[in-house]
Amino acid sequence: MVAQVDNLYVRLRLWKLWSRLVSYALFEGRPLTTKGGWINPLVFAHFAIEKRLPQLRRVKRPVFILGTGRSGTTVLGIVLSMHREAGFLNEPKALWHAIHPKEDLIGSYSRGVAHYRLGEADANPDMKRSANRLFGAYLAATLSRRVVDKYPELIFRVPFVRALFPDAKFLFLVRNGWDTCHSIEGWSNRLGEQVADETHDWWGVDRRKWNMLVEQIVPEHPDLAVHAGAMRGWTRQTDMAAVEWIVTMREGLRLMREYPAEVMRVDYEDLCRSPRQMIQGIATFLEFKPDDEPFLEYAEQTLKQTPDKQPFELSPLIANAFGETMTQLGYGDHK
């Protein structure tokens, strides 16, 4: 399924296919765990040109989907892309790397130093100008009025993003921790591979993302920091995924307190249980025009409930933190 477009998408709103294909070919880039990396030099050459041209369109109220990967962020982005005003970028890490060269956690485009967190002070005038020119070029190329950018790790960079786009809106997607961690494990087992002497999987090149998570984010959490030494040697995907889920969910809850007018919590289970109602609420929060029936119909037909995954054996070092986070999110009995 190229550019995450299915037959229903094309049938309900054929002209939106152009936006998805332009996003996929010219702006998103290909990370190392996908095919088609040959296109990346062309994408970066395109970005270099756009950064030198005048801004083609003003970027108004861009939308960023945050959370833990494998929690429904992609399907939410695809649903929002059906709205007549929106263009959707699915993890445009190449674009963000063109804005800030030290943001690549996976190692798709750089093996140098990277920062999990980026703050307001990291957004210099050149980056702000580049971000607005690149996103403005995207809006012009896709004939869109609003950008919807799904990049889950931006949850640790919200002050940076707000420095670039002060009127940005954020959707914090929440999903049951058991389901999310099972999905991460399945993704890594399915798509992870050995390339020469390197391992490429959910955790990037040779555990690059995992190592940075343990070194840069885990120390912010006292109940996890005491186990950081042991975590460095972990290999079980579900335990590693649980740590990522814990710190990400805690970050999202903090952002909701700090930026109540800019951050909306979206529960994946509610989204699938009542898609029309939830999507209408999201559209209202984002200030999208609500009278868009193909958009709402696509949401109803695409968002489907799935059976809950069973709990798995969890390292006792993080069991309490995992359970407490589940309770904070309102999942009740987490056992």
Foldseek 3Di string as FASTA:
>chain_A
DPLPDDPLLCVLPVLLVQLSVCLRQAFQADFPLDPDNVSLVVNLVVLVVLLPDPAQAFAAAAEEEAAAPQQCLVVVQVLVSSFPQEREHENSVSLVCSLPVQDDQQQRPHPDHHALADALVNQDPSSLSSVRSSVSVSCVSSVHNYYYYYHHSCLRYVNNVCNSPVNYAYEYEDEQLQSRLVSQQVQFVVRWDQDPPWTQGPCHTNNSNLVNCLVHQQVVPVLRVVCSVVSVPDDDSSQSSLSVNLSRLVSLVVVCVVCVLRYDYDYLQVCLVPVLVRVLVVCVSSVHDNPDVSSSVCSNVPRHDDDDDDHDDYPPSCVVSSVVSCVVVPVPDSD
